[in-house]
């Protein structure tokens, strides 16, 4: 089962750029503070299980 459409290149560039900015921000905080601790957030967990549920259909 293949995809019948392509993701627009501007969308792919936007998503990858966003991820790079997040990583650079995390690196900057790490260099300034020293240690990063990411705790699970309610909305992140809810989003994860919602999309897992959607994939089951």
C-alpha atoms as a PDB file:
ATOM      1  CA  UNK A   1       0.000   0.000   0.000  1.00  0.00           C
ATOM      2  CA  UNK A   2       1.715   3.169  -1.174  1.00  0.00           C
ATOM      3  CA  UNK A   3       0.961   6.813  -0.830  1.00  0.00           C
ATOM      4  CA  UNK A   4      -0.996   8.428  -3.639  1.00  0.00           C
ATOM      5  CA  UNK A   5       0.314  11.900  -2.850  1.00  0.00           C
ATOM      6  CA  UNK A   6       3.565  13.625  -2.066  1.00  0.00           C
ATOM      7  CA  UNK A   7       4.311  15.867   0.879  1.00  0.00           C
ATOM      8  CA  UNK A   8       4.963  19.423  -0.322  1.00  0.00           C
ATOM      9  CA  UNK A   9       8.653  20.300  -0.136  1.00  0.00           C
ATOM     10  CA  UNK A  10       7.936  23.487   1.849  1.00  0.00           C
ATOM     11  CA  UNK A  11       6.216  21.390   4.525  1.00  0.00           C
ATOM     12  CA  UNK A  12       9.118  18.928   4.761  1.00  0.00           C
ATOM     13  CA  UNK A  13      11.613  21.792   5.005  1.00  0.00           C
ATOM     14  CA  UNK A  14       9.491  23.451   7.687  1.00  0.00           C
ATOM     15  CA  UNK A  15       9.277  20.310   9.799  1.00  0.00           C
ATOM     16  CA  UNK A  16      12.990  19.563   9.528  1.00  0.00           C
ATOM     17  CA  UNK A  17      13.862  23.204  10.259  1.00  0.00           C
ATOM     18  CA  UNK A  18      11.650  23.158  13.351  1.00  0.00           C
ATOM     19  CA  UNK A  19      13.398  20.041  14.623  1.00  0.00           C
ATOM     20  CA  UNK A  20      16.822  21.581  14.034  1.00  0.00           C
ATOM     21  CA  UNK A  21      15.806  24.726  15.949  1.00  0.00           C
ATOM     22  CA  UNK A  22      14.553  22.577  18.855  1.00  0.00           C
ATOM     23  CA  UNK A  23      17.825  20.619  18.924  1.00  0.00           C
ATOM     24  CA  UNK A  24      19.923  23.794  18.785  1.00  0.00           C
ATOM     25  CA  UNK A  25      17.864  25.292  21.603  1.00  0.00           C
ATOM     26  CA  UNK A  26      18.329  22.173  23.720  1.00  0.00           C
ATOM     27  CA  UNK A  27      22.078  22.248  23.001  1.00  0.00           C
ATOM     28  CA  UNK A  28      22.251  25.906  24.015  1.00  0.00           C
ATOM     29  CA  UNK A  29      20.428  25.223  27.296  1.00  0.00           C
ATOM     30  CA  UNK A  30      22.679  22.219  27.924  1.00  0.00           C
ATOM     31  CA  UNK A  31      25.812  24.295  27.360  1.00  0.00           C
ATOM     32  CA  UNK A  32      24.542  27.079  29.632  1.00  0.00           C
ATOM     33  CA  UNK A  33      22.991  24.995  32.434  1.00  0.00           C
ATOM     34  CA  UNK A  34      24.764  21.679  32.134  1.00  0.00           C
ATOM     35  CA  UNK A  35      22.010  19.103  32.509  1.00  0.00           C
ATOM     36  CA  UNK A  36      18.641  18.714  30.847  1.00  0.00           C
ATOM     37  CA  UNK A  37      15.808  16.746  32.392  1.00  0.00           C
ATOM     38  CA  UNK A  38      12.711  16.190  30.290  1.00  0.00           C
ATOM     39  CA  UNK A  39       9.698  14.959  32.185  1.00  0.00           C
ATOM     40  CA  UNK A  40       6.642  13.402  30.519  1.00  0.00           C
ATOM     41  CA  UNK A  41       3.873  15.912  30.020  1.00  0.00           C
ATOM     42  CA  UNK A  42       0.163  15.071  30.154  1.00  0.00           C
ATOM     43  CA  UNK A  43      -0.585  16.462  26.675  1.00  0.00           C
ATOM     44  CA  UNK A  44       2.387  14.668  25.117  1.00  0.00           C
ATOM     45  CA  UNK A  45       1.236  11.360  26.541  1.00  0.00           C
ATOM     46  CA  UNK A  46      -2.352  11.996  25.491  1.00  0.00           C
ATOM     47  CA  UNK A  47      -1.254  12.893  21.967  1.00  0.00           C
ATOM     48  CA  UNK A  48       0.884   9.742  21.733  1.00  0.00           C
ATOM     49  CA  UNK A  49      -1.937   7.402  22.773  1.00  0.00           C
ATOM     50  CA  UNK A  50      -4.472   9.231  20.598  1.00  0.00           C
ATOM     51  CA  UNK A  51      -2.366   8.683  17.486  1.00  0.00           C
ATOM     52  CA  UNK A  52      -1.669   5.066  18.470  1.00  0.00           C
ATOM     53  CA  UNK A  53      -5.429   4.623  18.700  1.00  0.00           C
ATOM     54  CA  UNK A  54      -5.905   6.247  15.271  1.00  0.00           C
ATOM     55  CA  UNK A  55      -3.340   3.902  13.739  1.00  0.00           C
ATOM     56  CA  UNK A  56      -5.344   0.911  14.893  1.00  0.00           C
ATOM     57  CA  UNK A  57      -8.133   1.755  12.425  1.00  0.00           C
END
